[in-house]
Amino acid sequence: MGQTLENIIFDFKKKQLLRWLRFCSSIRQLDAGDLEVVLTVGLFNEGTDIPRVDTQLLVRPTESLTVFTQQVWRGLRLAEGKSHSVLYMLERGEAH
C-alpha cells in the first residue's frame, strides 16, 4: 500500500526542517570560526549575514546585477578582526 498524503507531507516537512537545521548549524560554525570552508550552491544567496567571511569563490555566472552585488557584498562586510577580503571569480573556466 502507498503512503497516505499526511505521511508524505510529514516526510517532506521533516526533510525541509533537517536541511534548515544543517544550514543554521553551518552559519553558526562559520561565524564562530569552527569552519574554514563552506561549499554551497545557492544556499547563501538571500538573507545571509556572516560578516566574518573574508574569501569567496564565485563559480556560477549570473546575469542579474542584483544577485551579483549581493554575493560580492557578503565578503565585503566589515567585522572585528577582519583585515581584508578576497574575491575569486571563475567565468567560462578562466580565473579573472
PDB file of N, CA and C in Angstrom:
ATOM      1  N   MET A   1       0.827  -1.181   0.000  1.00  0.00           N
ATOM      2  CA  MET A   1       0.000   0.000   0.000  1.00  0.00           C
ATOM      3  C   MET A   1       0.874   1.248   0.000  1.00  0.00           C
ATOM      4  N   GLY A   2       0.388   2.272  -0.635  1.00  0.00           N
ATOM      5  CA  GLY A   2       1.115   3.532  -0.704  1.00  0.00           C
ATOM      6  C   GLY A   2       0.981   4.336   0.579  1.00  0.00           C
ATOM      7  N   GLN A   3       1.839   5.316   0.698  1.00  0.00           N
ATOM      8  CA  GLN A   3       1.781   6.197   1.858  1.00  0.00           C
ATOM      9  C   GLN A   3       0.562   7.113   1.771  1.00  0.00           C
ATOM     10  N   THR A   4       0.096   7.524   2.937  1.00  0.00           N
ATOM     11  CA  THR A   4      -1.006   8.483   2.954  1.00  0.00           C
ATOM     12  C   THR A   4      -0.452   9.868   2.645  1.00  0.00           C
ATOM     13  N   LEU A   5      -1.308  10.761   2.238  1.00  0.00           N
ATOM     14  CA  LEU A   5      -0.915  12.130   1.941  1.00  0.00           C
ATOM     15  C   LEU A   5      -0.303  12.785   3.182  1.00  0.00           C
ATOM     16  N   GLU A   6      -0.871  12.511   4.353  1.00  0.00           N
ATOM     17  CA  GLU A   6      -0.340  13.074   5.600  1.00  0.00           C
ATOM     18  C   GLU A   6       1.103  12.634   5.834  1.00  0.00           C
ATOM     19  N   ASN A   7       1.397  11.361   5.590  1.00  0.00           N
ATOM     20  CA  ASN A   7       2.760  10.852   5.775  1.00  0.00           C
ATOM     21  C   ASN A   7       3.725  11.466   4.763  1.00  0.00           C
ATOM     22  N   ILE A   8       3.275  11.637   3.534  1.00  0.00           N
ATOM     23  CA  ILE A   8       4.119  12.250   2.502  1.00  0.00           C
ATOM     24  C   ILE A   8       4.445  13.687   2.897  1.00  0.00           C
ATOM     25  N   ILE A   9       3.436  14.442   3.339  1.00  0.00           N
ATOM     26  CA  ILE A   9       3.646  15.826   3.761  1.00  0.00           C
ATOM     27  C   ILE A   9       4.566  15.873   4.974  1.00  0.00           C
ATOM     28  N   PHE A  10       4.351  14.981   5.949  1.00  0.00           N
ATOM     29  CA  PHE A  10       5.198  14.925   7.146  1.00  0.00           C
ATOM     30  C   PHE A  10       6.649  14.658   6.758  1.00  0.00           C
ATOM     31  N   ASP A  11       6.889  13.669   5.892  1.00  0.00           N
ATOM     32  CA  ASP A  11       8.252  13.350   5.457  1.00  0.00           C
ATOM     33  C   ASP A  11       8.903  14.527   4.750  1.00  0.00           C
ATOM     34  N   PHE A  12       8.144  15.215   3.904  1.00  0.00           N
ATOM     35  CA  PHE A  12       8.656  16.373   3.185  1.00  0.00           C
ATOM     36  C   PHE A  12       9.049  17.477   4.161  1.00  0.00           C
ATOM     37  N   LYS A  13       8.176  17.778   5.126  1.00  0.00           N
ATOM     38  CA  LYS A  13       8.452  18.830   6.107  1.00  0.00           C
ATOM     39  C   LYS A  13       9.631  18.447   6.996  1.00  0.00           C
ATOM     40  N   LYS A  14       9.756  17.176   7.314  1.00  0.00           N
ATOM     41  CA  LYS A  14      10.877  16.715   8.135  1.00  0.00           C
ATOM     42  C   LYS A  14      12.197  16.923   7.384  1.00  0.00           C
ATOM     43  N   LYS A  15      12.223  16.616   6.094  1.00  0.00           N
ATOM     44  CA  LYS A  15      13.427  16.830   5.294  1.00  0.00           C
ATOM     45  C   LYS A  15      13.764  18.313   5.201  1.00  0.00           C
ATOM     46  N   GLN A  16      12.745  19.172   5.030  1.00  0.00           N
ATOM     47  CA  GLN A  16      12.978  20.616   4.985  1.00  0.00           C
ATOM     48  C   GLN A  16      13.553  21.104   6.311  1.00  0.00           C
ATOM     49  N   LEU A  17      13.015  20.625   7.421  1.00  0.00           N
ATOM     50  CA  LEU A  17      13.489  21.026   8.735  1.00  0.00           C
ATOM     51  C   LEU A  17      14.937  20.598   8.945  1.00  0.00           C
ATOM     52  N   LEU A  18      15.269  19.386   8.551  1.00  0.00           N
ATOM     53  CA  LEU A  18      16.649  18.911   8.703  1.00  0.00           C
ATOM     54  C   LEU A  18      17.613  19.749   7.858  1.00  0.00           C
ATOM     55  N   ARG A  19      17.214  20.104   6.636  1.00  0.00           N
ATOM     56  CA  ARG A  19      18.048  20.975   5.798  1.00  0.00           C
ATOM     57  C   ARG A  19      18.246  22.334   6.469  1.00  0.00           C
ATOM     58  N   TRP A  20      17.178  22.885   7.021  1.00  0.00           N
ATOM     59  CA  TRP A  20      17.248  24.185   7.680  1.00  0.00           C
ATOM     60  C   TRP A  20      18.172  24.127   8.902  1.00  0.00           C
ATOM     61  N   LEU A  21      18.084  23.056   9.680  1.00  0.00           N
ATOM     62  CA  LEU A  21      18.948  22.916  10.854  1.00  0.00           C
ATOM     63  C   LEU A  21      20.416  22.805  10.451  1.00  0.00           C
ATOM     64  N   ARG A  22      20.712  22.071   9.378  1.00  0.00           N
ATOM     65  CA  ARG A  22      22.096  21.985   8.886  1.00  0.00           C
ATOM     66  C   ARG A  22      22.575  23.351   8.416  1.00  0.00           C
ATOM     67  N   PHE A  23      21.712  24.094   7.726  1.00  0.00           N
ATOM     68  CA  PHE A  23      22.024  25.436   7.261  1.00  0.00           C
ATOM     69  C   PHE A  23      22.373  26.338   8.445  1.00  0.00           C
ATOM     70  N   CYS A  24      21.524  26.357   9.482  1.00  0.00           N
ATOM     71  CA  CYS A  24      21.762  27.192  10.658  1.00  0.00           C
ATOM     72  C   CYS A  24      23.037  26.785  11.380  1.00  0.00           C
ATOM     73  N   SER A  25      23.263  25.493  11.479  1.00  0.00           N
ATOM     74  CA  SER A  25      24.473  24.997  12.117  1.00  0.00           C
ATOM     75  C   SER A  25      25.717  25.436  11.351  1.00  0.00           C
ATOM     76  N   SER A  26      25.662  25.390  10.033  1.00  0.00           N
ATOM     77  CA  SER A  26      26.798  25.824   9.211  1.00  0.00           C
ATOM     78  C   SER A  26      27.090  27.304   9.424  1.00  0.00           C
ATOM     79  N   ILE A  27      26.056  28.125   9.487  1.00  0.00           N
ATOM     80  CA  ILE A  27      26.250  29.557   9.705  1.00  0.00           C
ATOM     81  C   ILE A  27      26.889  29.804  11.064  1.00  0.00           C
ATOM     82  N   ARG A  28      26.380  29.156  12.107  1.00  0.00           N
ATOM     83  CA  ARG A  28      26.954  29.334  13.453  1.00  0.00           C
ATOM     84  C   ARG A  28      28.412  28.904  13.490  1.00  0.00           C
ATOM     85  N   GLN A  29      28.722  27.753  12.890  1.00  0.00           N
ATOM     86  CA  GLN A  29      30.097  27.249  12.896  1.00  0.00           C
ATOM     87  C   GLN A  29      31.030  28.157  12.099  1.00  0.00           C
ATOM     88  N   LEU A  30      30.563  28.664  10.973  1.00  0.00           N
ATOM     89  CA  LEU A  30      31.364  29.567  10.156  1.00  0.00           C
ATOM     90  C   LEU A  30      31.617  30.873  10.905  1.00  0.00           C
ATOM     91  N   ASP A  31      30.593  31.413  11.512  1.00  0.00           N
ATOM     92  CA  ASP A  31      30.711  32.672  12.243  1.00  0.00           C
ATOM     93  C   ASP A  31      31.620  32.524  13.463  1.00  0.00           C
ATOM     94  N   ALA A  32      31.599  31.370  14.097  1.00  0.00           N
ATOM     95  CA  ALA A  32      32.438  31.129  15.279  1.00  0.00           C
ATOM     96  C   ALA A  32      33.881  30.807  14.905  1.00  0.00           C
ATOM     97  N   GLY A  33      34.140  30.581  13.621  1.00  0.00           N
ATOM     98  CA  GLY A  33      35.491  30.232  13.201  1.00  0.00           C
ATOM     99  C   GLY A  33      35.779  28.743  13.270  1.00  0.00           C
ATOM    100  N   ASP A  34      34.749  27.948  13.547  1.00  0.00           N
ATOM    101  CA  ASP A  34      34.925  26.494  13.616  1.00  0.00           C
ATOM    102  C   ASP A  34      34.972  25.852  12.236  1.00  0.00           C
ATOM    103  N   LEU A  35      34.448  26.526  11.228  1.00  0.00           N
ATOM    104  CA  LEU A  35      34.516  26.063   9.841  1.00  0.00           C
ATOM    105  C   LEU A  35      35.378  27.039   9.059  1.00  0.00           C
ATOM    106  N   GLU A  36      36.237  26.520   8.229  1.00  0.00           N
ATOM    107  CA  GLU A  36      37.060  27.381   7.394  1.00  0.00           C
ATOM    108  C   GLU A  36      36.504  27.490   5.982  1.00  0.00           C
ATOM    109  N   VAL A  37      35.799  26.455   5.543  1.00  0.00           N
ATOM    110  CA  VAL A  37      35.290  26.430   4.176  1.00  0.00           C
ATOM    111  C   VAL A  37      33.860  25.904   4.172  1.00  0.00           C
ATOM    112  N   VAL A  38      33.011  26.587   3.420  1.00  0.00           N
ATOM    113  CA  VAL A  38      31.650  26.109   3.185  1.00  0.00           C
ATOM    114  C   VAL A  38      31.423  26.155   1.693  1.00  0.00           C
ATOM    115  N   LEU A  39      31.037  25.041   1.119  1.00  0.00           N
ATOM    116  CA  LEU A  39      30.701  24.962  -0.305  1.00  0.00           C
ATOM    117  C   LEU A  39      29.193  24.893  -0.429  1.00  0.00           C
ATOM    118  N   THR A  40      28.615  25.838  -1.154  1.00  0.00           N
ATOM    119  CA  THR A  40      27.163  25.836  -1.312  1.00  0.00           C
ATOM    120  C   THR A  40      26.792  26.091  -2.758  1.00  0.00           C
ATOM    121  N   VAL A  41      25.597  25.704  -3.092  1.00  0.00           N
ATOM    122  CA  VAL A  41      25.024  26.027  -4.395  1.00  0.00           C
ATOM    123  C   VAL A  41      23.700  26.719  -4.109  1.00  0.00           C
ATOM    124  N   GLY A  42      23.727  28.050  -4.178  1.00  0.00           N
ATOM    125  CA  GLY A  42      22.509  28.819  -3.967  1.00  0.00           C
ATOM    126  C   GLY A  42      22.030  28.884  -2.532  1.00  0.00           C
ATOM    127  N   LEU A  43      22.795  28.372  -1.588  1.00  0.00           N
ATOM    128  CA  LEU A  43      22.332  28.318  -0.206  1.00  0.00           C
ATOM    129  C   LEU A  43      22.413  29.670   0.480  1.00  0.00           C
ATOM    130  N   PHE A  44      23.454  30.448   0.215  1.00  0.00           N
ATOM    131  CA  PHE A  44      23.643  31.722   0.900  1.00  0.00           C
ATOM    132  C   PHE A  44      23.340  32.906  -0.004  1.00  0.00           C
ATOM    133  N   ASN A  45      22.443  32.758  -0.950  1.00  0.00           N
ATOM    134  CA  ASN A  45      22.149  33.844  -1.879  1.00  0.00           C
ATOM    135  C   ASN A  45      21.355  34.979  -1.249  1.00  0.00           C
ATOM    136  N   GLU A  46      20.386  34.679  -0.423  1.00  0.00           N
ATOM    137  CA  GLU A  46      19.500  35.715   0.107  1.00  0.00           C
ATOM    138  C   GLU A  46      19.448  35.658   1.622  1.00  0.00           C
ATOM    139  N   GLY A  47      19.449  36.835   2.228  1.00  0.00           N
ATOM    140  CA  GLY A  47      19.191  36.944   3.656  1.00  0.00           C
ATOM    141  C   GLY A  47      20.262  36.377   4.559  1.00  0.00           C
ATOM    142  N   THR A  48      21.453  36.185   4.063  1.00  0.00           N
ATOM    143  CA  THR A  48      22.526  35.630   4.870  1.00  0.00           C
ATOM    144  C   THR A  48      23.457  36.754   5.294  1.00  0.00           C
ATOM    145  N   ASP A  49      23.785  36.795   6.577  1.00  0.00           N
ATOM    146  CA  ASP A  49      24.665  37.829   7.094  1.00  0.00           C
ATOM    147  C   ASP A  49      25.752  37.182   7.943  1.00  0.00           C
ATOM    148  N   ILE A  50      26.919  36.980   7.348  1.00  0.00           N
ATOM    149  CA  ILE A  50      28.061  36.403   8.057  1.00  0.00           C
ATOM    150  C   ILE A  50      29.263  37.315   7.780  1.00  0.00           C
ATOM    151  N   PRO A  51      29.381  38.427   8.523  1.00  0.00           N
ATOM    152  CA  PRO A  51      30.425  39.411   8.241  1.00  0.00           C
ATOM    153  C   PRO A  51      31.846  38.867   8.273  1.00  0.00           C
ATOM    154  N   ARG A  52      32.100  37.782   9.012  1.00  0.00           N
ATOM    155  CA  ARG A  52      33.461  37.240   9.118  1.00  0.00           C
ATOM    156  C   ARG A  52      33.968  36.616   7.820  1.00  0.00           C
ATOM    157  N   VAL A  53      33.091  36.355   6.868  1.00  0.00           N
ATOM    158  CA  VAL A  53      33.515  35.771   5.595  1.00  0.00           C
ATOM    159  C   VAL A  53      34.532  36.708   4.950  1.00  0.00           C
ATOM    160  N   ASP A  54      35.724  36.168   4.659  1.00  0.00           N
ATOM    161  CA  ASP A  54      36.763  37.019   4.075  1.00  0.00           C
ATOM    162  C   ASP A  54      37.256  36.521   2.722  1.00  0.00           C
ATOM    163  N   THR A  55      36.792  35.374   2.294  1.00  0.00           N
ATOM    164  CA  THR A  55      37.205  34.844   0.995  1.00  0.00           C
ATOM    165  C   THR A  55      36.003  34.203   0.317  1.00  0.00           C
ATOM    166  N   GLN A  56      35.824  34.529  -0.948  1.00  0.00           N
ATOM    167  CA  GLN A  56      34.723  33.949  -1.716  1.00  0.00           C
ATOM    168  C   GLN A  56      35.257  33.447  -3.051  1.00  0.00           C
ATOM    169  N   LEU A  57      34.691  32.359  -3.502  1.00  0.00           N
ATOM    170  CA  LEU A  57      34.964  31.824  -4.828  1.00  0.00           C
ATOM    171  C   LEU A  57      33.615  31.737  -5.536  1.00  0.00           C
ATOM    172  N   LEU A  58      33.403  32.620  -6.497  1.00  0.00           N
ATOM    173  CA  LEU A  58      32.150  32.621  -7.253  1.00  0.00           C
ATOM    174  C   LEU A  58      32.376  31.856  -8.547  1.00  0.00           C
ATOM    175  N   VAL A  59      31.692  30.742  -8.684  1.00  0.00           N
ATOM    176  CA  VAL A  59      31.882  29.878  -9.848  1.00  0.00           C
ATOM    177  C   VAL A  59      30.709  29.985 -10.808  1.00  0.00           C
ATOM    178  N   ARG A  60      29.542  30.196 -10.258  1.00  0.00           N
ATOM    179  CA  ARG A  60      28.328  30.223 -11.069  1.00  0.00           C
ATOM    180  C   ARG A  60      28.111  31.621 -11.653  1.00  0.00           C
ATOM    181  N   PRO A  61      28.065  31.756 -12.946  1.00  0.00           N
ATOM    182  CA  PRO A  61      27.809  33.074 -13.528  1.00  0.00           C
ATOM    183  C   PRO A  61      26.353  33.487 -13.311  1.00  0.00           C
ATOM    184  N   THR A  62      26.124  34.784 -13.258  1.00  0.00           N
ATOM    185  CA  THR A  62      24.770  35.295 -13.157  1.00  0.00           C
ATOM    186  C   THR A  62      24.642  36.519 -14.054  1.00  0.00           C
ATOM    187  N   GLU A  63      23.493  36.668 -14.646  1.00  0.00           N
ATOM    188  CA  GLU A  63      23.232  37.853 -15.462  1.00  0.00           C
ATOM    189  C   GLU A  63      22.520  38.922 -14.649  1.00  0.00           C
ATOM    190  N   SER A  64      22.206  38.616 -13.399  1.00  0.00           N
ATOM    191  CA  SER A  64      21.494  39.550 -12.535  1.00  0.00           C
ATOM    192  C   SER A  64      22.499  40.394 -11.752  1.00  0.00           C
ATOM    193  N   LEU A  65      22.497  41.699 -11.992  1.00  0.00           N
ATOM    194  CA  LEU A  65      23.372  42.599 -11.254  1.00  0.00           C
ATOM    195  C   LEU A  65      23.030  42.581  -9.770  1.00  0.00           C
ATOM    196  N   THR A  66      21.758  42.442  -9.449  1.00  0.00           N
ATOM    197  CA  THR A  66      21.334  42.399  -8.050  1.00  0.00           C
ATOM    198  C   THR A  66      21.916  41.189  -7.336  1.00  0.00           C
ATOM    199  N   VAL A  67      21.793  40.010  -7.936  1.00  0.00           N
ATOM    200  CA  VAL A  67      22.331  38.785  -7.336  1.00  0.00           C
ATOM    201  C   VAL A  67      23.843  38.890  -7.207  1.00  0.00           C
ATOM    202  N   PHE A  68      24.511  39.367  -8.250  1.00  0.00           N
ATOM    203  CA  PHE A  68      25.962  39.506  -8.216  1.00  0.00           C
ATOM    204  C   PHE A  68      26.389  40.451  -7.092  1.00  0.00           C
ATOM    205  N   THR A  69      25.722  41.584  -6.978  1.00  0.00           N
ATOM    206  CA  THR A  69      26.063  42.559  -5.938  1.00  0.00           C
ATOM    207  C   THR A  69      25.868  41.962  -4.548  1.00  0.00           C
ATOM    208  N   GLN A  70      24.780  41.232  -4.345  1.00  0.00           N
ATOM    209  CA  GLN A  70      24.538  40.585  -3.057  1.00  0.00           C
ATOM    210  C   GLN A  70      25.640  39.580  -2.735  1.00  0.00           C
ATOM    211  N   GLN A  71      26.043  38.794  -3.723  1.00  0.00           N
ATOM    212  CA  GLN A  71      27.072  37.784  -3.495  1.00  0.00           C
ATOM    213  C   GLN A  71      28.404  38.434  -3.129  1.00  0.00           C
ATOM    214  N   VAL A  72      28.794  39.457  -3.857  1.00  0.00           N
ATOM    215  CA  VAL A  72      30.064  40.127  -3.596  1.00  0.00           C
ATOM    216  C   VAL A  72      30.033  40.823  -2.240  1.00  0.00           C
ATOM    217  N   TRP A  73      28.923  41.456  -1.920  1.00  0.00           N
ATOM    218  CA  TRP A  73      28.804  42.199  -0.672  1.00  0.00           C
ATOM    219  C   TRP A  73      28.991  41.295   0.547  1.00  0.00           C
ATOM    220  N   ARG A  74      28.642  40.020   0.425  1.00  0.00           N
ATOM    221  CA  ARG A  74      28.819  39.081   1.546  1.00  0.00           C
ATOM    222  C   ARG A  74      30.255  39.110   2.072  1.00  0.00           C
ATOM    223  N   GLY A  75      31.225  39.193   1.172  1.00  0.00           N
ATOM    224  CA  GLY A  75      32.628  39.178   1.598  1.00  0.00           C
ATOM    225  C   GLY A  75      33.177  40.536   1.951  1.00  0.00           C
ATOM    226  N   LEU A  76      32.471  41.603   1.588  1.00  0.00           N
ATOM    227  CA  LEU A  76      32.973  42.957   1.839  1.00  0.00           C
ATOM    228  C   LEU A  76      32.503  43.540   3.165  1.00  0.00           C
ATOM    229  N   ARG A  77      31.640  42.829   3.871  1.00  0.00           N
ATOM    230  CA  ARG A  77      31.145  43.326   5.159  1.00  0.00           C
ATOM    231  C   ARG A  77      32.293  43.496   6.140  1.00  0.00           C
ATOM    232  N   LEU A  78      32.226  44.534   6.951  1.00  0.00           N
ATOM    233  CA  LEU A  78      33.219  44.776   7.998  1.00  0.00           C
ATOM    234  C   LEU A  78      32.927  43.873   9.181  1.00  0.00           C
ATOM    235  N   ALA A  79      33.995  43.415   9.835  1.00  0.00           N
ATOM    236  CA  ALA A  79      33.845  42.589  11.031  1.00  0.00           C
ATOM    237  C   ALA A  79      35.083  42.774  11.896  1.00  0.00           C
ATOM    238  N   GLU A  80      34.903  42.609  13.185  1.00  0.00           N
ATOM    239  CA  GLU A  80      36.020  42.731  14.115  1.00  0.00           C
ATOM    240  C   GLU A  80      37.101  41.714  13.779  1.00  0.00           C
ATOM    241  N   GLY A  81      38.327  42.188  13.667  1.00  0.00           N
ATOM    242  CA  GLY A  81      39.451  41.313  13.362  1.00  0.00           C
ATOM    243  C   GLY A  81      39.620  40.996  11.887  1.00  0.00           C
ATOM    244  N   LYS A  82      38.731  41.482  11.054  1.00  0.00           N
ATOM    245  CA  LYS A  82      38.801  41.228   9.615  1.00  0.00           C
ATOM    246  C   LYS A  82      39.604  42.350   8.964  1.00  0.00           C
ATOM    247  N   SER A  83      40.682  41.979   8.285  1.00  0.00           N
ATOM    248  CA  SER A  83      41.560  42.996   7.707  1.00  0.00           C
ATOM    249  C   SER A  83      41.465  43.076   6.187  1.00  0.00           C
ATOM    250  N   HIS A  84      40.857  42.080   5.563  1.00  0.00           N
ATOM    251  CA  HIS A  84      40.830  42.056   4.102  1.00  0.00           C
ATOM    252  C   HIS A  84      39.675  41.176   3.604  1.00  0.00           C
ATOM    253  N   SER A  85      39.495  41.230   2.319  1.00  0.00           N
ATOM    254  CA  SER A  85      38.515  40.369   1.670  1.00  0.00           C
ATOM    255  C   SER A  85      39.083  39.948   0.326  1.00  0.00           C
ATOM    256  N   VAL A  86      38.963  38.686   0.003  1.00  0.00           N
ATOM    257  CA  VAL A  86      39.477  38.154  -1.259  1.00  0.00           C
ATOM    258  C   VAL A  86      38.300  37.613  -2.057  1.00  0.00           C
ATOM    259  N   LEU A  87      38.235  37.987  -3.313  1.00  0.00           N
ATOM    260  CA  LEU A  87      37.161  37.529  -4.190  1.00  0.00           C
ATOM    261  C   LEU A  87      37.772  36.869  -5.419  1.00  0.00           C
ATOM    262  N   TYR A  88      37.454  35.607  -5.633  1.00  0.00           N
ATOM    263  CA  TYR A  88      37.862  34.881  -6.835  1.00  0.00           C
ATOM    264  C   TYR A  88      36.616  34.668  -7.676  1.00  0.00           C
ATOM    265  N   MET A  89      36.721  34.960  -8.950  1.00  0.00           N
ATOM    266  CA  MET A  89      35.598  34.740  -9.850  1.00  0.00           C
ATOM    267  C   MET A  89      36.072  33.890 -11.029  1.00  0.00           C
ATOM    268  N   LEU A  90      35.337  32.835 -11.307  1.00  0.00           N
ATOM    269  CA  LEU A  90      35.640  31.993 -12.454  1.00  0.00           C
ATOM    270  C   LEU A  90      34.544  32.177 -13.491  1.00  0.00           C
ATOM    271  N   GLU A  91      34.958  32.422 -14.713  1.00  0.00           N
ATOM    272  CA  GLU A  91      33.992  32.583 -15.779  1.00  0.00           C
ATOM    273  C   GLU A  91      34.481  31.785 -16.970  1.00  0.00           C
ATOM    274  N   ARG A  92      33.647  30.910 -17.440  1.00  0.00           N
ATOM    275  CA  ARG A  92      33.991  30.047 -18.570  1.00  0.00           C
ATOM    276  C   ARG A  92      35.314  29.302 -18.331  1.00  0.00           C
ATOM    277  N   GLY A  93      35.541  28.910 -17.077  1.00  0.00           N
ATOM    278  CA  GLY A  93      36.721  28.113 -16.764  1.00  0.00           C
ATOM    279  C   GLY A  93      38.001  28.893 -16.610  1.00  0.00           C
ATOM    280  N   GLU A  94      37.951  30.222 -16.717  1.00  0.00           N
ATOM    281  CA  GLU A  94      39.156  31.028 -16.574  1.00  0.00           C
ATOM    282  C   GLU A  94      39.060  31.897 -15.338  1.00  0.00           C
ATOM    283  N   ALA A  95      40.144  32.034 -14.595  1.00  0.00           N
ATOM    284  CA  ALA A  95      40.164  32.903 -13.429  1.00  0.00           C
ATOM    285  C   ALA A  95      40.304  34.354 -13.870  1.00  0.00           C
ATOM    286  N   HIS A  96      39.580  35.249 -13.218  1.00  0.00           N
ATOM    287  CA  HIS A  96      39.640  36.691 -13.509  1.00  0.00           C
ATOM    288  C   HIS A  96      39.927  37.434 -12.222  1.00  0.00           C
TER     289      HIS A  96
END
